[in-house]
Amino acid sequence: MKSHRQFLLIAVAILIGLVSPASLVVADGARPTILEARVSKILDGDTFTLSGHSRRIRVWGLDAPEWNHRGGSAATAAMRGLISGKIPATLWSCSSG
């Protein structure tokens, strides 16, 4: 029961982090870059890659356990179930590097 509750909380946190417009932060007048692509690979509960892009994408404001830590498998599975290749991702990036 506890693992089911933990899985559900992780899934909800991931979903909120992905769809929340509040997660778009522009600092120092930087203009955001918009990327539209499909999610190609889930690395762990808060990190993934996009088709046609080599950079790793981290969900801002979400701190899921790494895949090899306690709860990491559930977090990775939750992320995979929510976004793996299923939905286009629109990402705003304000970093220059």
PDB file of N, CA and C in Angstrom:
ATOM      1  N   MET A   1       0.819  -1.192   0.000  1.00  0.00           N
ATOM      2  CA  MET A   1       0.000   0.000   0.000  1.00  0.00           C
ATOM      3  C   MET A   1       0.864   1.257   0.000  1.00  0.00           C
ATOM      4  N   LYS A   2       1.942   1.241   0.807  1.00  0.00           N
ATOM      5  CA  LYS A   2       2.807   2.412   0.876  1.00  0.00           C
ATOM      6  C   LYS A   2       3.489   2.669  -0.463  1.00  0.00           C
ATOM      7  N   SER A   3       3.935   1.602  -1.148  1.00  0.00           N
ATOM      8  CA  SER A   3       4.603   1.794  -2.437  1.00  0.00           C
ATOM      9  C   SER A   3       3.626   2.313  -3.487  1.00  0.00           C
ATOM     10  N   HIS A   4       2.359   1.892  -3.423  1.00  0.00           N
ATOM     11  CA  HIS A   4       1.344   2.401  -4.350  1.00  0.00           C
ATOM     12  C   HIS A   4       1.108   3.888  -4.109  1.00  0.00           C
ATOM     13  N   ARG A   5       1.045   4.290  -2.860  1.00  0.00           N
ATOM     14  CA  ARG A   5       0.852   5.701  -2.513  1.00  0.00           C
ATOM     15  C   ARG A   5       2.060   6.526  -2.960  1.00  0.00           C
ATOM     16  N   GLN A   6       3.261   5.991  -2.739  1.00  0.00           N
ATOM     17  CA  GLN A   6       4.483   6.683  -3.154  1.00  0.00           C
ATOM     18  C   GLN A   6       4.512   6.841  -4.675  1.00  0.00           C
ATOM     19  N   PHE A   7       4.156   5.794  -5.399  1.00  0.00           N
ATOM     20  CA  PHE A   7       4.108   5.847  -6.858  1.00  0.00           C
ATOM     21  C   PHE A   7       3.116   6.907  -7.323  1.00  0.00           C
ATOM     22  N   LEU A   8       1.948   6.941  -6.715  1.00  0.00           N
ATOM     23  CA  LEU A   8       0.923   7.915  -7.085  1.00  0.00           C
ATOM     24  C   LEU A   8       1.386   9.339  -6.815  1.00  0.00           C
ATOM     25  N   LEU A   9       2.022   9.574  -5.670  1.00  0.00           N
ATOM     26  CA  LEU A   9       2.528  10.911  -5.359  1.00  0.00           C
ATOM     27  C   LEU A   9       3.607  11.347  -6.343  1.00  0.00           C
ATOM     28  N   ILE A  10       4.488  10.435  -6.708  1.00  0.00           N
ATOM     29  CA  ILE A  10       5.533  10.756  -7.678  1.00  0.00           C
ATOM     30  C   ILE A  10       4.908  11.078  -9.034  1.00  0.00           C
ATOM     31  N   ALA A  11       3.937  10.277  -9.454  1.00  0.00           N
ATOM     32  CA  ALA A  11       3.280  10.515 -10.740  1.00  0.00           C
ATOM     33  C   ALA A  11       2.586  11.872 -10.774  1.00  0.00           C
ATOM     34  N   VAL A  12       1.897  12.219  -9.702  1.00  0.00           N
ATOM     35  CA  VAL A  12       1.218  13.517  -9.630  1.00  0.00           C
ATOM     36  C   VAL A  12       2.233  14.653  -9.646  1.00  0.00           C
ATOM     37  N   ALA A  13       3.328  14.515  -8.907  1.00  0.00           N
ATOM     38  CA  ALA A  13       4.364  15.557  -8.880  1.00  0.00           C
ATOM     39  C   ALA A  13       4.973  15.760 -10.264  1.00  0.00           C
ATOM     40  N   ILE A  14       5.212  14.675 -10.975  1.00  0.00           N
ATOM     41  CA  ILE A  14       5.763  14.775 -12.325  1.00  0.00           C
ATOM     42  C   ILE A  14       4.784  15.494 -13.240  1.00  0.00           C
ATOM     43  N   LEU A  15       3.533  15.102 -13.179  1.00  0.00           N
ATOM     44  CA  LEU A  15       2.524  15.728 -14.029  1.00  0.00           C
ATOM     45  C   LEU A  15       2.392  17.216 -13.748  1.00  0.00           C
ATOM     46  N   ILE A  16       2.360  17.598 -12.491  1.00  0.00           N
ATOM     47  CA  ILE A  16       2.268  19.017 -12.130  1.00  0.00           C
ATOM     48  C   ILE A  16       3.493  19.773 -12.619  1.00  0.00           C
ATOM     49  N   GLY A  17       4.661  19.198 -12.454  1.00  0.00           N
ATOM     50  CA  GLY A  17       5.888  19.850 -12.909  1.00  0.00           C
ATOM     51  C   GLY A  17       5.942  20.033 -14.407  1.00  0.00           C
ATOM     52  N   LEU A  18       5.328  19.113 -15.156  1.00  0.00           N
ATOM     53  CA  LEU A  18       5.368  19.203 -16.612  1.00  0.00           C
ATOM     54  C   LEU A  18       4.360  20.186 -17.182  1.00  0.00           C
ATOM     55  N   VAL A  19       3.227  20.333 -16.530  1.00  0.00           N
ATOM     56  CA  VAL A  19       2.183  21.177 -17.110  1.00  0.00           C
ATOM     57  C   VAL A  19       2.037  22.525 -16.437  1.00  0.00           C
ATOM     58  N   SER A  20       2.765  22.775 -15.401  1.00  0.00           N
ATOM     59  CA  SER A  20       2.625  24.022 -14.664  1.00  0.00           C
ATOM     60  C   SER A  20       3.249  25.196 -15.406  1.00  0.00           C
ATOM     61  N   PRO A  21       2.451  26.215 -15.759  1.00  0.00           N
ATOM     62  CA  PRO A  21       3.036  27.390 -16.402  1.00  0.00           C
ATOM     63  C   PRO A  21       3.959  28.156 -15.468  1.00  0.00           C
ATOM     64  N   ALA A  22       3.833  27.929 -14.175  1.00  0.00           N
ATOM     65  CA  ALA A  22       4.702  28.607 -13.211  1.00  0.00           C
ATOM     66  C   ALA A  22       6.137  28.106 -13.307  1.00  0.00           C
ATOM     67  N   SER A  23       6.343  26.981 -13.997  1.00  0.00           N
ATOM     68  CA  SER A  23       7.702  26.449 -14.113  1.00  0.00           C
ATOM     69  C   SER A  23       8.536  27.203 -15.145  1.00  0.00           C
ATOM     70  N   LEU A  24       7.926  28.151 -15.853  1.00  0.00           N
ATOM     71  CA  LEU A  24       8.662  28.972 -16.810  1.00  0.00           C
ATOM     72  C   LEU A  24       9.186  30.206 -16.098  1.00  0.00           C
ATOM     73  N   VAL A  25      10.491  30.283 -15.962  1.00  0.00           N
ATOM     74  CA  VAL A  25      11.116  31.412 -15.284  1.00  0.00           C
ATOM     75  C   VAL A  25      12.120  32.040 -16.229  1.00  0.00           C
ATOM     76  N   VAL A  26      11.994  33.327 -16.441  1.00  0.00           N
ATOM     77  CA  VAL A  26      12.931  34.046 -17.295  1.00  0.00           C
ATOM     78  C   VAL A  26      13.725  34.983 -16.406  1.00  0.00           C
ATOM     79  N   ALA A  27      15.040  34.780 -16.353  1.00  0.00           N
ATOM     80  CA  ALA A  27      15.900  35.582 -15.488  1.00  0.00           C
ATOM     81  C   ALA A  27      16.714  36.566 -16.311  1.00  0.00           C
ATOM     82  N   ASP A  28      16.981  37.715 -15.744  1.00  0.00           N
ATOM     83  CA  ASP A  28      17.853  38.720 -16.348  1.00  0.00           C
ATOM     84  C   ASP A  28      17.444  39.103 -17.767  1.00  0.00           C
ATOM     85  N   GLY A  29      16.158  39.118 -18.047  1.00  0.00           N
ATOM     86  CA  GLY A  29      15.681  39.534 -19.353  1.00  0.00           C
ATOM     87  C   GLY A  29      15.980  38.559 -20.473  1.00  0.00           C
ATOM     88  N   ALA A  30      16.408  37.341 -20.148  1.00  0.00           N
ATOM     89  CA  ALA A  30      16.706  36.348 -21.180  1.00  0.00           C
ATOM     90  C   ALA A  30      15.422  35.969 -21.906  1.00  0.00           C
ATOM     91  N   ARG A  31      15.541  35.715 -23.188  1.00  0.00           N
ATOM     92  CA  ARG A  31      14.388  35.286 -23.965  1.00  0.00           C
ATOM     93  C   ARG A  31      14.380  33.767 -24.010  1.00  0.00           C
ATOM     94  N   PRO A  32      13.257  33.153 -23.725  1.00  0.00           N
ATOM     95  CA  PRO A  32      13.207  31.692 -23.719  1.00  0.00           C
ATOM     96  C   PRO A  32      13.305  31.105 -25.122  1.00  0.00           C
ATOM     97  N   THR A  33      13.872  29.920 -25.205  1.00  0.00           N
ATOM     98  CA  THR A  33      13.918  29.152 -26.439  1.00  0.00           C
ATOM     99  C   THR A  33      12.863  28.070 -26.330  1.00  0.00           C
ATOM    100  N   ILE A  34      12.056  27.920 -27.350  1.00  0.00           N
ATOM    101  CA  ILE A  34      10.995  26.920 -27.319  1.00  0.00           C
ATOM    102  C   ILE A  34      11.407  25.737 -28.188  1.00  0.00           C
ATOM    103  N   LEU A  35      11.371  24.544 -27.605  1.00  0.00           N
ATOM    104  CA  LEU A  35      11.669  23.305 -28.324  1.00  0.00           C
ATOM    105  C   LEU A  35      10.394  22.485 -28.392  1.00  0.00           C
ATOM    106  N   GLU A  36      10.070  21.970 -29.555  1.00  0.00           N
ATOM    107  CA  GLU A  36       8.929  21.071 -29.676  1.00  0.00           C
ATOM    108  C   GLU A  36       9.433  19.757 -30.248  1.00  0.00           C
ATOM    109  N   ALA A  37       9.325  18.696 -29.459  1.00  0.00           N
ATOM    110  CA  ALA A  37       9.828  17.387 -29.873  1.00  0.00           C
ATOM    111  C   ALA A  37       9.170  16.311 -29.036  1.00  0.00           C
ATOM    112  N   ARG A  38       9.331  15.088 -29.463  1.00  0.00           N
ATOM    113  CA  ARG A  38       8.825  13.953 -28.693  1.00  0.00           C
ATOM    114  C   ARG A  38       9.883  13.484 -27.706  1.00  0.00           C
ATOM    115  N   VAL A  39       9.413  13.016 -26.579  1.00  0.00           N
ATOM    116  CA  VAL A  39      10.315  12.436 -25.587  1.00  0.00           C
ATOM    117  C   VAL A  39      10.819  11.111 -26.153  1.00  0.00           C
ATOM    118  N   SER A  40      12.144  10.939 -26.174  1.00  0.00           N
ATOM    119  CA  SER A  40      12.705   9.723 -26.763  1.00  0.00           C
ATOM    120  C   SER A  40      13.226   8.727 -25.732  1.00  0.00           C
ATOM    121  N   LYS A  41      13.740   9.211 -24.606  1.00  0.00           N
ATOM    122  CA  LYS A  41      14.311   8.300 -23.612  1.00  0.00           C
ATOM    123  C   LYS A  41      14.125   8.872 -22.215  1.00  0.00           C
ATOM    124  N   ILE A  42      13.686   8.021 -21.298  1.00  0.00           N
ATOM    125  CA  ILE A  42      13.544   8.396 -19.896  1.00  0.00           C
ATOM    126  C   ILE A  42      14.789   7.902 -19.174  1.00  0.00           C
ATOM    127  N   LEU A  43      15.518   8.807 -18.535  1.00  0.00           N
ATOM    128  CA  LEU A  43      16.747   8.432 -17.835  1.00  0.00           C
ATOM    129  C   LEU A  43      16.492   8.119 -16.369  1.00  0.00           C
ATOM    130  N   ASP A  44      15.607   8.870 -15.729  1.00  0.00           N
ATOM    131  CA  ASP A  44      15.183   8.604 -14.357  1.00  0.00           C
ATOM    132  C   ASP A  44      13.886   9.370 -14.119  1.00  0.00           C
ATOM    133  N   GLY A  45      13.516   9.559 -12.871  1.00  0.00           N
ATOM    134  CA  GLY A  45      12.232  10.169 -12.551  1.00  0.00           C
ATOM    135  C   GLY A  45      12.095  11.641 -12.854  1.00  0.00           C
ATOM    136  N   ASP A  46      13.187  12.325 -13.180  1.00  0.00           N
ATOM    137  CA  ASP A  46      13.085  13.751 -13.508  1.00  0.00           C
ATOM    138  C   ASP A  46      13.985  14.167 -14.669  1.00  0.00           C
ATOM    139  N   THR A  47      14.505  13.196 -15.423  1.00  0.00           N
ATOM    140  CA  THR A  47      15.430  13.498 -16.514  1.00  0.00           C
ATOM    141  C   THR A  47      15.080  12.661 -17.742  1.00  0.00           C
ATOM    142  N   PHE A  48      15.087  13.305 -18.917  1.00  0.00           N
ATOM    143  CA  PHE A  48      14.789  12.600 -20.155  1.00  0.00           C
ATOM    144  C   PHE A  48      15.497  13.278 -21.325  1.00  0.00           C
ATOM    145  N   THR A  49      15.432  12.654 -22.500  1.00  0.00           N
ATOM    146  CA  THR A  49      15.977  13.247 -23.721  1.00  0.00           C
ATOM    147  C   THR A  49      14.859  13.371 -24.746  1.00  0.00           C
ATOM    148  N   LEU A  50      15.081  14.238 -25.734  1.00  0.00           N
ATOM    149  CA  LEU A  50      14.108  14.463 -26.796  1.00  0.00           C
ATOM    150  C   LEU A  50      14.636  13.941 -28.118  1.00  0.00           C
ATOM    151  N   SER A  51      13.737  13.521 -28.987  1.00  0.00           N
ATOM    152  CA  SER A  51      14.119  13.083 -30.326  1.00  0.00           C
ATOM    153  C   SER A  51      14.810  14.219 -31.060  1.00  0.00           C
ATOM    154  N   GLY A  52      15.953  13.918 -31.646  1.00  0.00           N
ATOM    155  CA  GLY A  52      16.685  14.908 -32.412  1.00  0.00           C
ATOM    156  C   GLY A  52      17.537  15.855 -31.588  1.00  0.00           C
ATOM    157  N   HIS A  53      17.574  15.668 -30.275  1.00  0.00           N
ATOM    158  CA  HIS A  53      18.370  16.524 -29.390  1.00  0.00           C
ATOM    159  C   HIS A  53      19.211  15.632 -28.487  1.00  0.00           C
ATOM    160  N   SER A  54      20.475  15.980 -28.300  1.00  0.00           N
ATOM    161  CA  SER A  54      21.360  15.145 -27.485  1.00  0.00           C
ATOM    162  C   SER A  54      21.401  15.559 -26.017  1.00  0.00           C
ATOM    163  N   ARG A  55      20.914  16.742 -25.694  1.00  0.00           N
ATOM    164  CA  ARG A  55      20.971  17.209 -24.306  1.00  0.00           C
ATOM    165  C   ARG A  55      19.979  16.484 -23.408  1.00  0.00           C
ATOM    166  N   ARG A  56      20.384  16.330 -22.156  1.00  0.00           N
ATOM    167  CA  ARG A  56      19.482  15.794 -21.142  1.00  0.00           C
ATOM    168  C   ARG A  56      18.590  16.925 -20.647  1.00  0.00           C
ATOM    169  N   ILE A  57      17.320  16.633 -20.463  1.00  0.00           N
ATOM    170  CA  ILE A  57      16.355  17.616 -19.985  1.00  0.00           C
ATOM    171  C   ILE A  57      15.940  17.224 -18.575  1.00  0.00           C
ATOM    172  N   ARG A  58      16.052  18.163 -17.641  1.00  0.00           N
ATOM    173  CA  ARG A  58      15.582  17.932 -16.270  1.00  0.00           C
ATOM    174  C   ARG A  58      14.332  18.751 -16.038  1.00  0.00           C
ATOM    175  N   VAL A  59      13.365  18.154 -15.371  1.00  0.00           N
ATOM    176  CA  VAL A  59      12.127  18.858 -15.047  1.00  0.00           C
ATOM    177  C   VAL A  59      12.428  19.798 -13.896  1.00  0.00           C
ATOM    178  N   TRP A  60      12.306  21.093 -14.154  1.00  0.00           N
ATOM    179  CA  TRP A  60      12.621  22.112 -13.157  1.00  0.00           C
ATOM    180  C   TRP A  60      11.630  22.021 -12.001  1.00  0.00           C
ATOM    181  N   GLY A  61      12.137  22.064 -10.788  1.00  0.00           N
ATOM    182  CA  GLY A  61      11.288  22.033  -9.604  1.00  0.00           C
ATOM    183  C   GLY A  61      10.916  20.635  -9.142  1.00  0.00           C
ATOM    184  N   LEU A  62      11.396  19.616  -9.819  1.00  0.00           N
ATOM    185  CA  LEU A  62      11.098  18.237  -9.450  1.00  0.00           C
ATOM    186  C   LEU A  62      12.399  17.549  -9.066  1.00  0.00           C
ATOM    187  N   ASP A  63      12.434  16.948  -7.889  1.00  0.00           N
ATOM    188  CA  ASP A  63      13.627  16.245  -7.428  1.00  0.00           C
ATOM    189  C   ASP A  63      13.254  14.803  -7.122  1.00  0.00           C
ATOM    190  N   ALA A  64      13.254  13.972  -8.147  1.00  0.00           N
ATOM    191  CA  ALA A  64      12.932  12.557  -7.989  1.00  0.00           C
ATOM    192  C   ALA A  64      14.209  11.787  -7.663  1.00  0.00           C
ATOM    193  N   PRO A  65      14.074  10.653  -6.975  1.00  0.00           N
ATOM    194  CA  PRO A  65      15.262   9.853  -6.681  1.00  0.00           C
ATOM    195  C   PRO A  65      15.889   9.310  -7.968  1.00  0.00           C
ATOM    196  N   GLU A  66      17.200   9.155  -7.954  1.00  0.00           N
ATOM    197  CA  GLU A  66      17.894   8.572  -9.099  1.00  0.00           C
ATOM    198  C   GLU A  66      17.450   7.120  -9.254  1.00  0.00           C
ATOM    199  N   TRP A  67      17.612   6.567 -10.444  1.00  0.00           N
ATOM    200  CA  TRP A  67      17.117   5.225 -10.733  1.00  0.00           C
ATOM    201  C   TRP A  67      17.699   4.166  -9.804  1.00  0.00           C
ATOM    202  N   ASN A  68      18.912   4.381  -9.284  1.00  0.00           N
ATOM    203  CA  ASN A  68      19.559   3.374  -8.443  1.00  0.00           C
ATOM    204  C   ASN A  68      19.398   3.647  -6.948  1.00  0.00           C
ATOM    205  N   HIS A  69      18.540   4.580  -6.564  1.00  0.00           N
ATOM    206  CA  HIS A  69      18.253   4.858  -5.160  1.00  0.00           C
ATOM    207  C   HIS A  69      16.853   4.375  -4.802  1.00  0.00           C
ATOM    208  N   ARG A  70      16.575   4.319  -3.510  1.00  0.00           N
ATOM    209  CA  ARG A  70      15.265   3.877  -3.034  1.00  0.00           C
ATOM    210  C   ARG A  70      14.174   4.742  -3.654  1.00  0.00           C
ATOM    211  N   GLY A  71      13.188   4.119  -4.252  1.00  0.00           N
ATOM    212  CA  GLY A  71      12.093   4.829  -4.901  1.00  0.00           C
ATOM    213  C   GLY A  71      12.406   5.244  -6.336  1.00  0.00           C
ATOM    214  N   GLY A  72      13.651   5.053  -6.758  1.00  0.00           N
ATOM    215  CA  GLY A  72      14.057   5.469  -8.097  1.00  0.00           C
ATOM    216  C   GLY A  72      13.382   4.692  -9.212  1.00  0.00           C
ATOM    217  N   SER A  73      13.209   3.393  -9.014  1.00  0.00           N
ATOM    218  CA  SER A  73      12.539   2.581 -10.035  1.00  0.00           C
ATOM    219  C   SER A  73      11.101   3.027 -10.225  1.00  0.00           C
ATOM    220  N   ALA A  74      10.414   3.316  -9.119  1.00  0.00           N
ATOM    221  CA  ALA A  74       9.025   3.785  -9.201  1.00  0.00           C
ATOM    222  C   ALA A  74       8.948   5.155  -9.865  1.00  0.00           C
ATOM    223  N   ALA A  75       9.884   6.039  -9.536  1.00  0.00           N
ATOM    224  CA  ALA A  75       9.897   7.375 -10.138  1.00  0.00           C
ATOM    225  C   ALA A  75      10.158   7.289 -11.640  1.00  0.00           C
ATOM    226  N   THR A  76      11.107   6.442 -12.036  1.00  0.00           N
ATOM    227  CA  THR A  76      11.418   6.269 -13.455  1.00  0.00           C
ATOM    228  C   THR A  76      10.225   5.673 -14.194  1.00  0.00           C
ATOM    229  N   ALA A  77       9.588   4.672 -13.593  1.00  0.00           N
ATOM    230  CA  ALA A  77       8.413   4.055 -14.214  1.00  0.00           C
ATOM    231  C   ALA A  77       7.269   5.055 -14.347  1.00  0.00           C
ATOM    232  N   ALA A  78       7.094   5.902 -13.337  1.00  0.00           N
ATOM    233  CA  ALA A  78       6.035   6.914 -13.397  1.00  0.00           C
ATOM    234  C   ALA A  78       6.296   7.901 -14.526  1.00  0.00           C
ATOM    235  N   MET A  79       7.520   8.362 -14.635  1.00  0.00           N
ATOM    236  CA  MET A  79       7.872   9.287 -15.715  1.00  0.00           C
ATOM    237  C   MET A  79       7.675   8.614 -17.068  1.00  0.00           C
ATOM    238  N   ARG A  80       8.124   7.380 -17.185  1.00  0.00           N
ATOM    239  CA  ARG A  80       7.988   6.638 -18.443  1.00  0.00           C
ATOM    240  C   ARG A  80       6.511   6.494 -18.816  1.00  0.00           C
ATOM    241  N   GLY A  81       5.688   6.163 -17.843  1.00  0.00           N
ATOM    242  CA  GLY A  81       4.261   5.999 -18.103  1.00  0.00           C
ATOM    243  C   GLY A  81       3.563   7.286 -18.501  1.00  0.00           C
ATOM    244  N   LEU A  82       4.062   8.396 -18.020  1.00  0.00           N
ATOM    245  CA  LEU A  82       3.436   9.684 -18.318  1.00  0.00           C
ATOM    246  C   LEU A  82       3.861  10.274 -19.655  1.00  0.00           C
ATOM    247  N   ILE A  83       5.144  10.177 -20.006  1.00  0.00           N
ATOM    248  CA  ILE A  83       5.595  10.946 -21.167  1.00  0.00           C
ATOM    249  C   ILE A  83       6.400  10.195 -22.209  1.00  0.00           C
ATOM    250  N   SER A  84       6.783   8.969 -21.996  1.00  0.00           N
ATOM    251  CA  SER A  84       7.697   8.263 -22.901  1.00  0.00           C
ATOM    252  C   SER A  84       7.125   8.102 -24.309  1.00  0.00           C
ATOM    253  N   GLY A  85       7.581   8.939 -25.230  1.00  0.00           N
ATOM    254  CA  GLY A  85       7.214   8.844 -26.633  1.00  0.00           C
ATOM    255  C   GLY A  85       5.757   9.065 -26.948  1.00  0.00           C
ATOM    256  N   LYS A  86       4.958   9.361 -25.949  1.00  0.00           N
ATOM    257  CA  LYS A  86       3.520   9.445 -26.134  1.00  0.00           C
ATOM    258  C   LYS A  86       3.030  10.840 -26.478  1.00  0.00           C
ATOM    259  N   ILE A  87       3.660  11.833 -25.895  1.00  0.00           N
ATOM    260  CA  ILE A  87       3.159  13.188 -26.087  1.00  0.00           C
ATOM    261  C   ILE A  87       4.280  14.105 -26.541  1.00  0.00           C
ATOM    262  N   PRO A  88       3.970  15.054 -27.395  1.00  0.00           N
ATOM    263  CA  PRO A  88       4.993  16.044 -27.727  1.00  0.00           C
ATOM    264  C   PRO A  88       5.316  16.869 -26.491  1.00  0.00           C
ATOM    265  N   ALA A  89       6.549  17.231 -26.349  1.00  0.00           N
ATOM    266  CA  ALA A  89       6.966  18.059 -25.217  1.00  0.00           C
ATOM    267  C   ALA A  89       7.326  19.444 -25.726  1.00  0.00           C
ATOM    268  N   THR A  90       6.818  20.473 -25.084  1.00  0.00           N
ATOM    269  CA  THR A  90       7.219  21.837 -25.384  1.00  0.00           C
ATOM    270  C   THR A  90       8.010  22.325 -24.193  1.00  0.00           C
ATOM    271  N   LEU A  91       9.252  22.702 -24.418  1.00  0.00           N
ATOM    272  CA  LEU A  91      10.140  23.091 -23.331  1.00  0.00           C
ATOM    273  C   LEU A  91      10.621  24.506 -23.535  1.00  0.00           C
ATOM    274  N   TRP A  92      10.696  25.220 -22.453  1.00  0.00           N
ATOM    275  CA  TRP A  92      11.223  26.572 -22.479  1.00  0.00           C
ATOM    276  C   TRP A  92      12.554  26.558 -21.770  1.00  0.00           C
ATOM    277  N   SER A  93      13.576  27.005 -22.420  1.00  0.00           N
ATOM    278  CA  SER A  93      14.903  27.032 -21.823  1.00  0.00           C
ATOM    279  C   SER A  93      15.430  28.451 -21.837  1.00  0.00           C
ATOM    280  N   CYS A  94      15.882  28.905 -20.694  1.00  0.00           N
ATOM    281  CA  CYS A  94      16.422  30.256 -20.594  1.00  0.00           C
ATOM    282  C   CYS A  94      17.923  30.249 -20.396  1.00  0.00           C
ATOM    283  N   SER A  95      18.525  29.077 -20.367  1.00  0.00           N
ATOM    284  CA  SER A  95      19.973  29.021 -20.177  1.00  0.00           C
ATOM    285  C   SER A  95      20.668  29.136 -21.522  1.00  0.00           C
ATOM    286  N   SER A  96      21.872  29.644 -21.486  1.00  0.00           N
ATOM    287  CA  SER A  96      22.615  29.814 -22.732  1.00  0.00           C
ATOM    288  C   SER A  96      23.547  28.652 -23.014  1.00  0.00           C
ATOM    289  N   GLY A  97      23.699  27.738 -22.043  1.00  0.00           N
ATOM    290  CA  GLY A  97      24.670  26.669 -22.214  1.00  0.00           C
ATOM    291  C   GLY A  97      24.133  25.327 -22.312  1.00  0.00           C
TER     292      GLY A  97
END
